[in-house]
C-alpha atoms as a PDB file:
ATOM      1  CA  UNK A   1     -70.916 137.468 290.748  1.00  0.00           C
ATOM      2  CA  UNK A   2     -67.823 137.920 292.984  1.00  0.00           C
ATOM      3  CA  UNK A   3     -69.351 140.857 294.682  1.00  0.00           C
ATOM      4  CA  UNK A   4     -72.269 138.555 295.561  1.00  0.00           C
ATOM      5  CA  UNK A   5     -69.847 136.141 297.231  1.00  0.00           C
ATOM      6  CA  UNK A   6     -69.497 133.461 294.461  1.00  0.00           C
ATOM      7  CA  UNK A   7     -66.341 131.537 294.796  1.00  0.00           C
ATOM      8  CA  UNK A   8     -66.999 128.444 292.685  1.00  0.00           C
ATOM      9  CA  UNK A   9     -65.347 129.189 289.357  1.00  0.00           C
ATOM     10  CA  UNK A  10     -67.460 126.679 287.483  1.00  0.00           C
ATOM     11  CA  UNK A  11     -70.664 128.493 288.664  1.00  0.00           C
ATOM     12  CA  UNK A  12     -69.213 131.918 287.615  1.00  0.00           C
ATOM     13  CA  UNK A  13     -68.307 130.494 284.201  1.00  0.00           C
ATOM     14  CA  UNK A  14     -71.811 129.026 283.708  1.00  0.00           C
ATOM     15  CA  UNK A  15     -73.501 132.333 284.663  1.00  0.00           C
ATOM     16  CA  UNK A  16     -71.155 134.175 282.225  1.00  0.00           C
ATOM     17  CA  UNK A  17     -72.045 131.638 279.376  1.00  0.00           C
ATOM     18  CA  UNK A  18     -75.750 132.320 280.056  1.00  0.00           C
ATOM     19  CA  UNK A  19     -75.165 136.112 279.943  1.00  0.00           C
ATOM     20  CA  UNK A  20     -73.086 135.737 276.670  1.00  0.00           C
ATOM     21  CA  UNK A  21     -75.839 133.878 274.959  1.00  0.00           C
ATOM     22  CA  UNK A  22     -78.731 135.853 276.392  1.00  0.00           C
ATOM     23  CA  UNK A  23     -77.921 139.454 277.134  1.00  0.00           C
ATOM     24  CA  UNK A  24     -81.150 139.855 279.108  1.00  0.00           C
ATOM     25  CA  UNK A  25     -80.433 136.939 281.348  1.00  0.00           C
ATOM     26  CA  UNK A  26     -78.787 138.999 284.070  1.00  0.00           C
ATOM     27  CA  UNK A  27     -81.545 141.691 284.019  1.00  0.00           C
ATOM     28  CA  UNK A  28     -84.487 139.284 284.149  1.00  0.00           C
ATOM     29  CA  UNK A  29     -86.717 139.644 287.307  1.00  0.00           C
ATOM     30  CA  UNK A  30     -86.557 135.953 287.956  1.00  0.00           C
ATOM     31  CA  UNK A  31     -82.787 135.715 288.020  1.00  0.00           C
ATOM     32  CA  UNK A  32     -82.472 138.954 290.108  1.00  0.00           C
ATOM     33  CA  UNK A  33     -84.976 137.757 292.640  1.00  0.00           C
ATOM     34  CA  UNK A  34     -83.260 134.330 292.788  1.00  0.00           C
ATOM     35  CA  UNK A  35     -79.938 135.934 293.449  1.00  0.00           C
ATOM     36  CA  UNK A  36     -81.193 138.337 295.993  1.00  0.00           C
ATOM     37  CA  UNK A  37     -83.357 135.779 297.903  1.00  0.00           C
ATOM     38  CA  UNK A  38     -81.697 134.153 300.956  1.00  0.00           C
ATOM     39  CA  UNK A  39     -78.321 134.520 302.478  1.00  0.00           C
ATOM     40  CA  UNK A  40     -76.305 132.559 299.895  1.00  0.00           C
ATOM     41  CA  UNK A  41     -76.758 133.551 296.248  1.00  0.00           C
ATOM     42  CA  UNK A  42     -74.116 131.025 295.127  1.00  0.00           C
ATOM     43  CA  UNK A  43     -76.143 128.189 296.546  1.00  0.00           C
ATOM     44  CA  UNK A  44     -79.391 129.609 295.132  1.00  0.00           C
ATOM     45  CA  UNK A  45     -77.801 129.657 291.659  1.00  0.00           C
ATOM     46  CA  UNK A  46     -76.452 126.036 292.169  1.00  0.00           C
ATOM     47  CA  UNK A  47     -79.840 124.896 293.052  1.00  0.00           C
ATOM     48  CA  UNK A  48     -81.302 126.700 289.907  1.00  0.00           C
ATOM     49  CA  UNK A  49     -78.834 124.853 287.735  1.00  0.00           C
ATOM     50  CA  UNK A  50     -79.761 121.589 289.258  1.00  0.00           C
ATOM     51  CA  UNK A  51     -83.463 122.193 288.764  1.00  0.00           C
ATOM     52  CA  UNK A  52     -82.938 123.210 285.078  1.00  0.00           C
ATOM     53  CA  UNK A  53     -80.801 120.154 284.633  1.00  0.00           C
ATOM     54  CA  UNK A  54     -83.427 117.834 286.049  1.00  0.00           C
ATOM     55  CA  UNK A  55     -86.128 119.427 283.901  1.00  0.00           C
ATOM     56  CA  UNK A  56     -84.072 118.926 280.834  1.00  0.00           C
ATOM     57  CA  UNK A  57     -83.454 115.312 281.555  1.00  0.00           C
ATOM     58  CA  UNK A  58     -87.261 114.747 282.159  1.00  0.00           C
ATOM     59  CA  UNK A  59     -87.976 116.085 278.613  1.00  0.00           C
ATOM     60  CA  UNK A  60     -85.539 113.718 276.879  1.00  0.00           C
END
């Protein structure tokens, strides 16, 4: 994460939590493509979390 330019500690922690609960999370093609797309993987991940949060709120 730090090697990809992540500086926000909360984002790094959330990523590590996902990996801790799902060992395949980091290796999934969707996550790898998201982190490699664009010039700012940290912003890509922040956007991903926002989308997931919005989807979860819609279901409830």
